[in-house]
Amino acid sequence: MRQRSHGANVVLAVEGEVDMSSAPVLNSALEQALRAHPPVLVVDMSKVEFFGSAGMSVLIAASDAQPNTLRVVPSHAVRRPIEVAALDQLLALFDTVEAALAAGGTPPIG
């Protein structure tokens, strides 16, 4: 995972697989990024190849911790389980990092 700043906003890039063994690493990275209270935290998951339920739990917990902050850029492998679980009603999904950063105010849902 790589974290970079875009002004006051933060982008966390995640690659590979997010499963039971790697979800705690994602959770730690999200907690660390959220400690700075960025206005927007974009989780770039466009290069994630597998996304399990443990990863969904981590994203929901991060979203609950700081509402209207978290924005997710999902790969197909991430988007599909989020949509099947109807979590796209709770998480702000964007097609690109640029779109997530450019969206103003409260992020759109879905």
PDB file of N, CA and C in Angstrom:
ATOM      1  N   MET A   1       0.835  -1.168   0.000  1.00  0.00           N
ATOM      2  CA  MET A   1       0.000   0.000   0.000  1.00  0.00           C
ATOM      3  C   MET A   1       0.883   1.235   0.000  1.00  0.00           C
ATOM      4  N   ARG A   2       0.430   2.198  -0.774  1.00  0.00           N
ATOM      5  CA  ARG A   2       1.150   3.472  -0.850  1.00  0.00           C
ATOM      6  C   ARG A   2       0.188   4.595  -0.507  1.00  0.00           C
ATOM      7  N   GLN A   3       0.684   5.539   0.264  1.00  0.00           N
ATOM      8  CA  GLN A   3      -0.117   6.701   0.623  1.00  0.00           C
ATOM      9  C   GLN A   3       0.554   7.946   0.079  1.00  0.00           C
ATOM     10  N   ARG A   4      -0.254   8.824  -0.521  1.00  0.00           N
ATOM     11  CA  ARG A   4       0.279  10.088  -1.005  1.00  0.00           C
ATOM     12  C   ARG A   4      -0.736  11.195  -0.739  1.00  0.00           C
ATOM     13  N   SER A   5      -0.230  12.406  -0.660  1.00  0.00           N
ATOM     14  CA  SER A   5      -1.088  13.558  -0.388  1.00  0.00           C
ATOM     15  C   SER A   5      -1.405  14.297  -1.671  1.00  0.00           C
ATOM     16  N   HIS A   6      -2.602  14.842  -1.707  1.00  0.00           N
ATOM     17  CA  HIS A   6      -3.059  15.742  -2.772  1.00  0.00           C
ATOM     18  C   HIS A   6      -3.631  16.946  -2.050  1.00  0.00           C
ATOM     19  N   GLY A   7      -2.775  17.918  -1.765  1.00  0.00           N
ATOM     20  CA  GLY A   7      -3.199  19.035  -0.926  1.00  0.00           C
ATOM     21  C   GLY A   7      -3.493  18.493   0.458  1.00  0.00           C
ATOM     22  N   ALA A   8      -4.670  18.810   0.983  1.00  0.00           N
ATOM     23  CA  ALA A   8      -5.068  18.303   2.296  1.00  0.00           C
ATOM     24  C   ALA A   8      -5.657  16.894   2.217  1.00  0.00           C
ATOM     25  N   ASN A   9      -5.935  16.429   1.003  1.00  0.00           N
ATOM     26  CA  ASN A   9      -6.537  15.115   0.801  1.00  0.00           C
ATOM     27  C   ASN A   9      -5.471  14.028   0.731  1.00  0.00           C
ATOM     28  N   VAL A  10      -5.902  12.787   0.957  1.00  0.00           N
ATOM     29  CA  VAL A  10      -4.989  11.642   0.962  1.00  0.00           C
ATOM     30  C   VAL A  10      -5.510  10.586  -0.006  1.00  0.00           C
ATOM     31  N   VAL A  11      -4.577   9.978  -0.744  1.00  0.00           N
ATOM     32  CA  VAL A  11      -4.904   8.842  -1.602  1.00  0.00           C
ATOM     33  C   VAL A  11      -4.119   7.637  -1.091  1.00  0.00           C
ATOM     34  N   LEU A  12      -4.828   6.555  -0.807  1.00  0.00           N
ATOM     35  CA  LEU A  12      -4.216   5.302  -0.381  1.00  0.00           C
ATOM     36  C   LEU A  12      -4.395   4.299  -1.515  1.00  0.00           C
ATOM     37  N   ALA A  13      -3.285   3.889  -2.130  1.00  0.00           N
ATOM     38  CA  ALA A  13      -3.334   2.939  -3.244  1.00  0.00           C
ATOM     39  C   ALA A  13      -3.139   1.521  -2.714  1.00  0.00           C
ATOM     40  N   VAL A  14      -4.073   0.649  -3.061  1.00  0.00           N
ATOM     41  CA  VAL A  14      -4.072  -0.742  -2.612  1.00  0.00           C
ATOM     42  C   VAL A  14      -3.965  -1.630  -3.849  1.00  0.00           C
ATOM     43  N   GLU A  15      -3.104  -2.655  -3.765  1.00  0.00           N
ATOM     44  CA  GLU A  15      -2.931  -3.575  -4.899  1.00  0.00           C
ATOM     45  C   GLU A  15      -3.008  -5.016  -4.429  1.00  0.00           C
ATOM     46  N   GLY A  16      -3.229  -5.924  -5.384  1.00  0.00           N
ATOM     47  CA  GLY A  16      -3.199  -7.356  -5.085  1.00  0.00           C
ATOM     48  C   GLY A  16      -4.512  -7.864  -4.549  1.00  0.00           C
ATOM     49  N   GLU A  17      -4.448  -8.576  -3.419  1.00  0.00           N
ATOM     50  CA  GLU A  17      -5.619  -9.199  -2.828  1.00  0.00           C
ATOM     51  C   GLU A  17      -5.923  -8.587  -1.470  1.00  0.00           C
ATOM     52  N   VAL A  18      -7.208  -8.440  -1.181  1.00  0.00           N
ATOM     53  CA  VAL A  18      -7.641  -8.013   0.147  1.00  0.00           C
ATOM     54  C   VAL A  18      -8.512  -9.146   0.685  1.00  0.00           C
ATOM     55  N   ASP A  19      -7.933  -9.921   1.597  1.00  0.00           N
ATOM     56  CA  ASP A  19      -8.617 -11.069   2.171  1.00  0.00           C
ATOM     57  C   ASP A  19      -8.404 -11.067   3.682  1.00  0.00           C
ATOM     58  N   MET A  20      -8.697 -12.175   4.331  1.00  0.00           N
ATOM     59  CA  MET A  20      -8.577 -12.242   5.786  1.00  0.00           C
ATOM     60  C   MET A  20      -7.165 -11.957   6.271  1.00  0.00           C
ATOM     61  N   SER A  21      -6.177 -12.354   5.502  1.00  0.00           N
ATOM     62  CA  SER A  21      -4.803 -12.155   5.956  1.00  0.00           C
ATOM     63  C   SER A  21      -4.290 -10.742   5.688  1.00  0.00           C
ATOM     64  N   SER A  22      -4.789 -10.076   4.667  1.00  0.00           N
ATOM     65  CA  SER A  22      -4.300  -8.732   4.346  1.00  0.00           C
ATOM     66  C   SER A  22      -5.223  -7.614   4.831  1.00  0.00           C
ATOM     67  N   ALA A  23      -6.447  -7.932   5.199  1.00  0.00           N
ATOM     68  CA  ALA A  23      -7.384  -6.910   5.669  1.00  0.00           C
ATOM     69  C   ALA A  23      -6.864  -6.143   6.886  1.00  0.00           C
ATOM     70  N   PRO A  24      -6.183  -6.792   7.852  1.00  0.00           N
ATOM     71  CA  PRO A  24      -5.643  -6.017   8.978  1.00  0.00           C
ATOM     72  C   PRO A  24      -4.611  -4.967   8.537  1.00  0.00           C
ATOM     73  N   VAL A  25      -3.864  -5.252   7.489  1.00  0.00           N
ATOM     74  CA  VAL A  25      -2.898  -4.278   6.965  1.00  0.00           C
ATOM     75  C   VAL A  25      -3.643  -3.090   6.373  1.00  0.00           C
ATOM     76  N   LEU A  26      -4.704  -3.368   5.621  1.00  0.00           N
ATOM     77  CA  LEU A  26      -5.538  -2.298   5.069  1.00  0.00           C
ATOM     78  C   LEU A  26      -6.154  -1.482   6.198  1.00  0.00           C
ATOM     79  N   ASN A  27      -6.654  -2.155   7.217  1.00  0.00           N
ATOM     80  CA  ASN A  27      -7.261  -1.465   8.348  1.00  0.00           C
ATOM     81  C   ASN A  27      -6.264  -0.518   9.018  1.00  0.00           C
ATOM     82  N   SER A  28      -5.063  -0.985   9.248  1.00  0.00           N
ATOM     83  CA  SER A  28      -4.021  -0.147   9.873  1.00  0.00           C
ATOM     84  C   SER A  28      -3.697   1.062   9.006  1.00  0.00           C
ATOM     85  N   ALA A  29      -3.594   0.855   7.697  1.00  0.00           N
ATOM     86  CA  ALA A  29      -3.283   1.953   6.782  1.00  0.00           C
ATOM     87  C   ALA A  29      -4.406   2.988   6.772  1.00  0.00           C
ATOM     88  N   LEU A  30      -5.647   2.524   6.787  1.00  0.00           N
ATOM     89  CA  LEU A  30      -6.784   3.443   6.816  1.00  0.00           C
ATOM     90  C   LEU A  30      -6.837   4.214   8.133  1.00  0.00           C
ATOM     91  N   GLU A  31      -6.620   3.509   9.245  1.00  0.00           N
ATOM     92  CA  GLU A  31      -6.621   4.182  10.541  1.00  0.00           C
ATOM     93  C   GLU A  31      -5.546   5.263  10.598  1.00  0.00           C
ATOM     94  N   GLN A  32      -4.362   4.934  10.098  1.00  0.00           N
ATOM     95  CA  GLN A  32      -3.268   5.904  10.095  1.00  0.00           C
ATOM     96  C   GLN A  32      -3.624   7.119   9.237  1.00  0.00           C
ATOM     97  N   ALA A  33      -4.171   6.885   8.061  1.00  0.00           N
ATOM     98  CA  ALA A  33      -4.539   7.986   7.170  1.00  0.00           C
ATOM     99  C   ALA A  33      -5.650   8.844   7.776  1.00  0.00           C
ATOM    100  N   LEU A  34      -6.607   8.223   8.446  1.00  0.00           N
ATOM    101  CA  LEU A  34      -7.729   8.960   9.019  1.00  0.00           C
ATOM    102  C   LEU A  34      -7.344   9.757  10.262  1.00  0.00           C
ATOM    103  N   ARG A  35      -6.246   9.379  10.922  1.00  0.00           N
ATOM    104  CA  ARG A  35      -5.788  10.124  12.104  1.00  0.00           C
ATOM    105  C   ARG A  35      -5.507  11.592  11.783  1.00  0.00           C
ATOM    106  N   ALA A  36      -5.122  11.872  10.547  1.00  0.00           N
ATOM    107  CA  ALA A  36      -4.822  13.245  10.130  1.00  0.00           C
ATOM    108  C   ALA A  36      -6.092  14.030   9.805  1.00  0.00           C
ATOM    109  N   HIS A  37      -7.254  13.375   9.845  1.00  0.00           N
ATOM    110  CA  HIS A  37      -8.546  13.994   9.539  1.00  0.00           C
ATOM    111  C   HIS A  37      -8.546  14.707   8.185  1.00  0.00           C
ATOM    112  N   PRO A  38      -8.172  13.988   7.115  1.00  0.00           N
ATOM    113  CA  PRO A  38      -8.211  14.635   5.799  1.00  0.00           C
ATOM    114  C   PRO A  38      -9.663  14.909   5.398  1.00  0.00           C
ATOM    115  N   PRO A  39      -9.888  15.972   4.609  1.00  0.00           N
ATOM    116  CA  PRO A  39     -11.258  16.219   4.135  1.00  0.00           C
ATOM    117  C   PRO A  39     -11.761  15.072   3.262  1.00  0.00           C
ATOM    118  N   VAL A  40     -10.835  14.484   2.481  1.00  0.00           N
ATOM    119  CA  VAL A  40     -11.166  13.363   1.603  1.00  0.00           C
ATOM    120  C   VAL A  40     -10.058  12.327   1.693  1.00  0.00           C
ATOM    121  N   LEU A  41     -10.449  11.067   1.848  1.00  0.00           N
ATOM    122  CA  LEU A  41      -9.513   9.945   1.778  1.00  0.00           C
ATOM    123  C   LEU A  41      -9.985   9.050   0.642  1.00  0.00           C
ATOM    124  N   VAL A  42      -9.198   9.009  -0.432  1.00  0.00           N
ATOM    125  CA  VAL A  42      -9.520   8.169  -1.580  1.00  0.00           C
ATOM    126  C   VAL A  42      -8.775   6.850  -1.428  1.00  0.00           C
ATOM    127  N   VAL A  43      -9.510   5.752  -1.453  1.00  0.00           N
ATOM    128  CA  VAL A  43      -8.909   4.426  -1.421  1.00  0.00           C
ATOM    129  C   VAL A  43      -8.929   3.908  -2.853  1.00  0.00           C
ATOM    130  N   ASP A  44      -7.754   3.965  -3.480  1.00  0.00           N
ATOM    131  CA  ASP A  44      -7.624   3.540  -4.874  1.00  0.00           C
ATOM    132  C   ASP A  44      -7.421   2.040  -4.913  1.00  0.00           C
ATOM    133  N   MET A  45      -8.484   1.323  -5.234  1.00  0.00           N
ATOM    134  CA  MET A  45      -8.449  -0.136  -5.287  1.00  0.00           C
ATOM    135  C   MET A  45      -8.541  -0.621  -6.735  1.00  0.00           C
ATOM    136  N   SER A  46      -8.160   0.230  -7.666  1.00  0.00           N
ATOM    137  CA  SER A  46      -8.274  -0.101  -9.087  1.00  0.00           C
ATOM    138  C   SER A  46      -7.348  -1.240  -9.509  1.00  0.00           C
ATOM    139  N   LYS A  47      -6.363  -1.573  -8.675  1.00  0.00           N
ATOM    140  CA  LYS A  47      -5.445  -2.669  -9.000  1.00  0.00           C
ATOM    141  C   LYS A  47      -5.616  -3.860  -8.061  1.00  0.00           C
ATOM    142  N   VAL A  48      -6.753  -3.918  -7.371  1.00  0.00           N
ATOM    143  CA  VAL A  48      -7.042  -5.052  -6.492  1.00  0.00           C
ATOM    144  C   VAL A  48      -7.677  -6.160  -7.332  1.00  0.00           C
ATOM    145  N   GLU A  49      -7.132  -7.365  -7.202  1.00  0.00           N
ATOM    146  CA  GLU A  49      -7.573  -8.504  -8.010  1.00  0.00           C
ATOM    147  C   GLU A  49      -8.562  -9.407  -7.288  1.00  0.00           C
ATOM    148  N   PHE A  50      -8.554  -9.371  -5.960  1.00  0.00           N
ATOM    149  CA  PHE A  50      -9.495 -10.158  -5.158  1.00  0.00           C
ATOM    150  C   PHE A  50      -9.892  -9.317  -3.958  1.00  0.00           C
ATOM    151  N   PHE A  51     -11.193  -9.335  -3.627  1.00  0.00           N
ATOM    152  CA  PHE A  51     -11.706  -8.534  -2.526  1.00  0.00           C
ATOM    153  C   PHE A  51     -12.710  -9.363  -1.746  1.00  0.00           C
ATOM    154  N   GLY A  52     -12.333  -9.768  -0.543  1.00  0.00           N
ATOM    155  CA  GLY A  52     -13.194 -10.603   0.278  1.00  0.00           C
ATOM    156  C   GLY A  52     -14.008  -9.814   1.280  1.00  0.00           C
ATOM    157  N   SER A  53     -14.830 -10.523   2.024  1.00  0.00           N
ATOM    158  CA  SER A  53     -15.723  -9.887   2.991  1.00  0.00           C
ATOM    159  C   SER A  53     -14.969  -9.166   4.098  1.00  0.00           C
ATOM    160  N   ALA A  54     -13.787  -9.642   4.435  1.00  0.00           N
ATOM    161  CA  ALA A  54     -12.984  -8.956   5.456  1.00  0.00           C
ATOM    162  C   ALA A  54     -12.627  -7.546   4.990  1.00  0.00           C
ATOM    163  N   GLY A  55     -12.355  -7.389   3.708  1.00  0.00           N
ATOM    164  CA  GLY A  55     -12.065  -6.076   3.152  1.00  0.00           C
ATOM    165  C   GLY A  55     -13.274  -5.163   3.188  1.00  0.00           C
ATOM    166  N   MET A  56     -14.449  -5.737   2.913  1.00  0.00           N
ATOM    167  CA  MET A  56     -15.676  -4.933   2.968  1.00  0.00           C
ATOM    168  C   MET A  56     -15.898  -4.414   4.383  1.00  0.00           C
ATOM    169  N   SER A  57     -15.653  -5.252   5.366  1.00  0.00           N
ATOM    170  CA  SER A  57     -15.821  -4.839   6.760  1.00  0.00           C
ATOM    171  C   SER A  57     -14.882  -3.695   7.117  1.00  0.00           C
ATOM    172  N   VAL A  58     -13.669  -3.758   6.620  1.00  0.00           N
ATOM    173  CA  VAL A  58     -12.689  -2.700   6.888  1.00  0.00           C
ATOM    174  C   VAL A  58     -13.152  -1.376   6.275  1.00  0.00           C
ATOM    175  N   LEU A  59     -13.625  -1.412   5.027  1.00  0.00           N
ATOM    176  CA  LEU A  59     -14.090  -0.184   4.373  1.00  0.00           C
ATOM    177  C   LEU A  59     -15.296   0.417   5.103  1.00  0.00           C
ATOM    178  N   ILE A  60     -16.225  -0.424   5.521  1.00  0.00           N
ATOM    179  CA  ILE A  60     -17.413   0.073   6.233  1.00  0.00           C
ATOM    180  C   ILE A  60     -17.004   0.697   7.563  1.00  0.00           C
ATOM    181  N   ALA A  61     -16.095   0.062   8.281  1.00  0.00           N
ATOM    182  CA  ALA A  61     -15.641   0.616   9.563  1.00  0.00           C
ATOM    183  C   ALA A  61     -14.961   1.968   9.355  1.00  0.00           C
ATOM    184  N   ALA A  62     -14.145   2.083   8.311  1.00  0.00           N
ATOM    185  CA  ALA A  62     -13.470   3.356   8.032  1.00  0.00           C
ATOM    186  C   ALA A  62     -14.484   4.428   7.642  1.00  0.00           C
ATOM    187  N   SER A  63     -15.468   4.056   6.870  1.00  0.00           N
ATOM    188  CA  SER A  63     -16.509   5.001   6.464  1.00  0.00           C
ATOM    189  C   SER A  63     -17.323   5.456   7.668  1.00  0.00           C
ATOM    190  N   ASP A  64     -17.627   4.543   8.565  1.00  0.00           N
ATOM    191  CA  ASP A  64     -18.373   4.880   9.778  1.00  0.00           C
ATOM    192  C   ASP A  64     -17.563   5.778  10.701  1.00  0.00           C
ATOM    193  N   ALA A  65     -16.239   5.581  10.720  1.00  0.00           N
ATOM    194  CA  ALA A  65     -15.370   6.355  11.616  1.00  0.00           C
ATOM    195  C   ALA A  65     -15.359   7.830  11.254  1.00  0.00           C
ATOM    196  N   GLN A  66     -15.376   8.139   9.962  1.00  0.00           N
ATOM    197  CA  GLN A  66     -15.388   9.529   9.507  1.00  0.00           C
ATOM    198  C   GLN A  66     -16.316   9.641   8.296  1.00  0.00           C
ATOM    199  N   PRO A  67     -17.606   9.782   8.551  1.00  0.00           N
ATOM    200  CA  PRO A  67     -18.571   9.860   7.444  1.00  0.00           C
ATOM    201  C   PRO A  67     -18.224  10.985   6.460  1.00  0.00           C
ATOM    202  N   ASN A  68     -18.530  10.748   5.202  1.00  0.00           N
ATOM    203  CA  ASN A  68     -18.327  11.709   4.110  1.00  0.00           C
ATOM    204  C   ASN A  68     -16.865  11.974   3.792  1.00  0.00           C
ATOM    205  N   THR A  69     -15.962  11.173   4.313  1.00  0.00           N
ATOM    206  CA  THR A  69     -14.535  11.341   4.045  1.00  0.00           C
ATOM    207  C   THR A  69     -14.047  10.310   3.046  1.00  0.00           C
ATOM    208  N   LEU A  70     -14.489   9.066   3.193  1.00  0.00           N
ATOM    209  CA  LEU A  70     -13.963   7.947   2.412  1.00  0.00           C
ATOM    210  C   LEU A  70     -14.594   7.898   1.025  1.00  0.00           C
ATOM    211  N   ARG A  71     -13.732   7.764   0.010  1.00  0.00           N
ATOM    212  CA  ARG A  71     -14.168   7.579  -1.376  1.00  0.00           C
ATOM    213  C   ARG A  71     -13.366   6.411  -1.952  1.00  0.00           C
ATOM    214  N   VAL A  72     -14.042   5.518  -2.617  1.00  0.00           N
ATOM    215  CA  VAL A  72     -13.415   4.284  -3.106  1.00  0.00           C
ATOM    216  C   VAL A  72     -13.406   4.274  -4.632  1.00  0.00           C
ATOM    217  N   VAL A  73     -12.237   3.922  -5.193  1.00  0.00           N
ATOM    218  CA  VAL A  73     -12.091   3.721  -6.635  1.00  0.00           C
ATOM    219  C   VAL A  73     -11.891   2.215  -6.821  1.00  0.00           C
ATOM    220  N   PRO A  74     -12.960   1.491  -7.131  1.00  0.00           N
ATOM    221  CA  PRO A  74     -12.877   0.035  -7.175  1.00  0.00           C
ATOM    222  C   PRO A  74     -12.488  -0.529  -8.543  1.00  0.00           C
ATOM    223  N   SER A  75     -11.778  -1.639  -8.512  1.00  0.00           N
ATOM    224  CA  SER A  75     -11.624  -2.453  -9.718  1.00  0.00           C
ATOM    225  C   SER A  75     -12.933  -3.229  -9.874  1.00  0.00           C
ATOM    226  N   HIS A  76     -13.064  -3.962 -10.963  1.00  0.00           N
ATOM    227  CA  HIS A  76     -14.261  -4.800 -11.130  1.00  0.00           C
ATOM    228  C   HIS A  76     -14.345  -5.818  -9.995  1.00  0.00           C
ATOM    229  N   ALA A  77     -13.190  -6.368  -9.591  1.00  0.00           N
ATOM    230  CA  ALA A  77     -13.153  -7.377  -8.524  1.00  0.00           C
ATOM    231  C   ALA A  77     -13.592  -6.805  -7.185  1.00  0.00           C
ATOM    232  N   VAL A  78     -13.475  -5.506  -7.012  1.00  0.00           N
ATOM    233  CA  VAL A  78     -13.916  -4.848  -5.777  1.00  0.00           C
ATOM    234  C   VAL A  78     -15.363  -4.387  -5.917  1.00  0.00           C
ATOM    235  N   ARG A  79     -15.685  -3.794  -7.046  1.00  0.00           N
ATOM    236  CA  ARG A  79     -17.036  -3.258  -7.250  1.00  0.00           C
ATOM    237  C   ARG A  79     -18.095  -4.352  -7.147  1.00  0.00           C
ATOM    238  N   ARG A  80     -17.856  -5.486  -7.745  1.00  0.00           N
ATOM    239  CA  ARG A  80     -18.869  -6.551  -7.802  1.00  0.00           C
ATOM    240  C   ARG A  80     -19.349  -6.984  -6.418  1.00  0.00           C
ATOM    241  N   PRO A  81     -18.469  -7.385  -5.492  1.00  0.00           N
ATOM    242  CA  PRO A  81     -18.983  -7.789  -4.175  1.00  0.00           C
ATOM    243  C   PRO A  81     -19.608  -6.625  -3.393  1.00  0.00           C
ATOM    244  N   ILE A  82     -19.115  -5.407  -3.592  1.00  0.00           N
ATOM    245  CA  ILE A  82     -19.715  -4.253  -2.926  1.00  0.00           C
ATOM    246  C   ILE A  82     -21.154  -4.074  -3.409  1.00  0.00           C
ATOM    247  N   GLU A  83     -21.371  -4.190  -4.709  1.00  0.00           N
ATOM    248  CA  GLU A  83     -22.722  -4.039  -5.258  1.00  0.00           C
ATOM    249  C   GLU A  83     -23.636  -5.193  -4.849  1.00  0.00           C
ATOM    250  N   VAL A  84     -23.121  -6.414  -4.871  1.00  0.00           N
ATOM    251  CA  VAL A  84     -23.926  -7.581  -4.496  1.00  0.00           C
ATOM    252  C   VAL A  84     -24.395  -7.460  -3.046  1.00  0.00           C
ATOM    253  N   ALA A  85     -23.530  -6.933  -2.188  1.00  0.00           N
ATOM    254  CA  ALA A  85     -23.877  -6.763  -0.773  1.00  0.00           C
ATOM    255  C   ALA A  85     -24.638  -5.463  -0.511  1.00  0.00           C
ATOM    256  N   ALA A  86     -24.932  -4.709  -1.580  1.00  0.00           N
ATOM    257  CA  ALA A  86     -25.631  -3.421  -1.500  1.00  0.00           C
ATOM    258  C   ALA A  86     -24.861  -2.385  -0.685  1.00  0.00           C
ATOM    259  N   LEU A  87     -23.568  -2.573  -0.575  1.00  0.00           N
ATOM    260  CA  LEU A  87     -22.744  -1.603   0.152  1.00  0.00           C
ATOM    261  C   LEU A  87     -22.457  -0.368  -0.681  1.00  0.00           C
ATOM    262  N   ASP A  88     -22.802  -0.422  -1.965  1.00  0.00           N
ATOM    263  CA  ASP A  88     -22.667   0.781  -2.791  1.00  0.00           C
ATOM    264  C   ASP A  88     -23.681   1.847  -2.350  1.00  0.00           C
ATOM    265  N   GLN A  89     -24.633   1.464  -1.502  1.00  0.00           N
ATOM    266  CA  GLN A  89     -25.556   2.429  -0.917  1.00  0.00           C
ATOM    267  C   GLN A  89     -24.922   3.156   0.268  1.00  0.00           C
ATOM    268  N   LEU A  90     -23.832   2.598   0.799  1.00  0.00           N
ATOM    269  CA  LEU A  90     -23.154   3.179   1.961  1.00  0.00           C
ATOM    270  C   LEU A  90     -21.798   3.791   1.615  1.00  0.00           C
ATOM    271  N   LEU A  91     -21.138   3.244   0.597  1.00  0.00           N
ATOM    272  CA  LEU A  91     -19.808   3.703   0.221  1.00  0.00           C
ATOM    273  C   LEU A  91     -19.883   4.571  -1.032  1.00  0.00           C
ATOM    274  N   ALA A  92     -19.071   5.602  -1.081  1.00  0.00           N
ATOM    275  CA  ALA A  92     -19.002   6.469  -2.257  1.00  0.00           C
ATOM    276  C   ALA A  92     -18.013   5.857  -3.245  1.00  0.00           C
ATOM    277  N   LEU A  93     -18.513   5.403  -4.393  1.00  0.00           N
ATOM    278  CA  LEU A  93     -17.689   4.765  -5.419  1.00  0.00           C
ATOM    279  C   LEU A  93     -17.472   5.727  -6.580  1.00  0.00           C
ATOM    280  N   PHE A  94     -16.237   5.746  -7.090  1.00  0.00           N
ATOM    281  CA  PHE A  94     -15.876   6.607  -8.213  1.00  0.00           C
ATOM    282  C   PHE A  94     -15.095   5.785  -9.223  1.00  0.00           C
ATOM    283  N   ASP A  95     -15.149   6.205 -10.483  1.00  0.00           N
ATOM    284  CA  ASP A  95     -14.445   5.482 -11.537  1.00  0.00           C
ATOM    285  C   ASP A  95     -12.946   5.757 -11.551  1.00  0.00           C
ATOM    286  N   THR A  96     -12.532   6.946 -11.110  1.00  0.00           N
ATOM    287  CA  THR A  96     -11.111   7.311 -11.124  1.00  0.00           C
ATOM    288  C   THR A  96     -10.751   8.080  -9.855  1.00  0.00           C
ATOM    289  N   VAL A  97      -9.467   8.093  -9.550  1.00  0.00           N
ATOM    290  CA  VAL A  97      -8.967   8.888  -8.425  1.00  0.00           C
ATOM    291  C   VAL A  97      -9.264  10.361  -8.675  1.00  0.00           C
ATOM    292  N   GLU A  98      -9.064  10.797  -9.898  1.00  0.00           N
ATOM    293  CA  GLU A  98      -9.295  12.200 -10.241  1.00  0.00           C
ATOM    294  C   GLU A  98     -10.744  12.594  -9.979  1.00  0.00           C
ATOM    295  N   ALA A  99     -11.684  11.734 -10.356  1.00  0.00           N
ATOM    296  CA  ALA A  99     -13.105  12.023 -10.120  1.00  0.00           C
ATOM    297  C   ALA A  99     -13.415  12.067  -8.625  1.00  0.00           C
ATOM    298  N   ALA A 100     -12.808  11.170  -7.872  1.00  0.00           N
ATOM    299  CA  ALA A 100     -13.034  11.151  -6.422  1.00  0.00           C
ATOM    300  C   ALA A 100     -12.496  12.415  -5.764  1.00  0.00           C
ATOM    301  N   LEU A 101     -11.341  12.867  -6.215  1.00  0.00           N
ATOM    302  CA  LEU A 101     -10.758  14.086  -5.660  1.00  0.00           C
ATOM    303  C   LEU A 101     -11.516  15.338  -6.088  1.00  0.00           C
ATOM    304  N   ALA A 102     -12.060  15.316  -7.298  1.00  0.00           N
ATOM    305  CA  ALA A 102     -12.731  16.493  -7.847  1.00  0.00           C
ATOM    306  C   ALA A 102     -14.144  16.675  -7.308  1.00  0.00           C
ATOM    307  N   ALA A 103     -14.765  15.602  -6.841  1.00  0.00           N
ATOM    308  CA  ALA A 103     -16.142  15.701  -6.349  1.00  0.00           C
ATOM    309  C   ALA A 103     -16.168  16.581  -5.106  1.00  0.00           C
ATOM    310  N   GLY A 104     -17.030  17.546  -5.126  1.00  0.00           N
ATOM    311  CA  GLY A 104     -17.102  18.473  -3.993  1.00  0.00           C
ATOM    312  C   GLY A 104     -18.145  18.063  -2.990  1.00  0.00           C
ATOM    313  N   GLY A 105     -18.024  18.587  -1.794  1.00  0.00           N
ATOM    314  CA  GLY A 105     -19.023  18.380  -0.755  1.00  0.00           C
ATOM    315  C   GLY A 105     -19.187  16.929  -0.383  1.00  0.00           C
ATOM    316  N   THR A 106     -20.404  16.557  -0.055  1.00  0.00           N
ATOM    317  CA  THR A 106     -20.712  15.186   0.300  1.00  0.00           C
ATOM    318  C   THR A 106     -20.634  14.317  -0.940  1.00  0.00           C
ATOM    319  N   PRO A 107     -19.839  13.242  -0.885  1.00  0.00           N
ATOM    320  CA  PRO A 107     -19.683  12.409  -2.079  1.00  0.00           C
ATOM    321  C   PRO A 107     -20.979  11.716  -2.473  1.00  0.00           C
ATOM    322  N   PRO A 108     -21.176  11.522  -3.784  1.00  0.00           N
ATOM    323  CA  PRO A 108     -22.357  10.790  -4.237  1.00  0.00           C
ATOM    324  C   PRO A 108     -22.270   9.335  -3.813  1.00  0.00           C
ATOM    325  N   ILE A 109     -23.391   8.709  -3.646  1.00  0.00           N
ATOM    326  CA  ILE A 109     -23.420   7.297  -3.284  1.00  0.00           C
ATOM    327  C   ILE A 109     -23.709   6.492  -4.539  1.00  0.00           C
ATOM    328  N   GLY A 110     -22.921   5.387  -4.677  1.00  0.00           N
ATOM    329  CA  GLY A 110     -23.157   4.479  -5.801  1.00  0.00           C
ATOM    330  C   GLY A 110     -22.429   4.826  -6.980  1.00  0.00           C
TER     331      GLY A 110
END
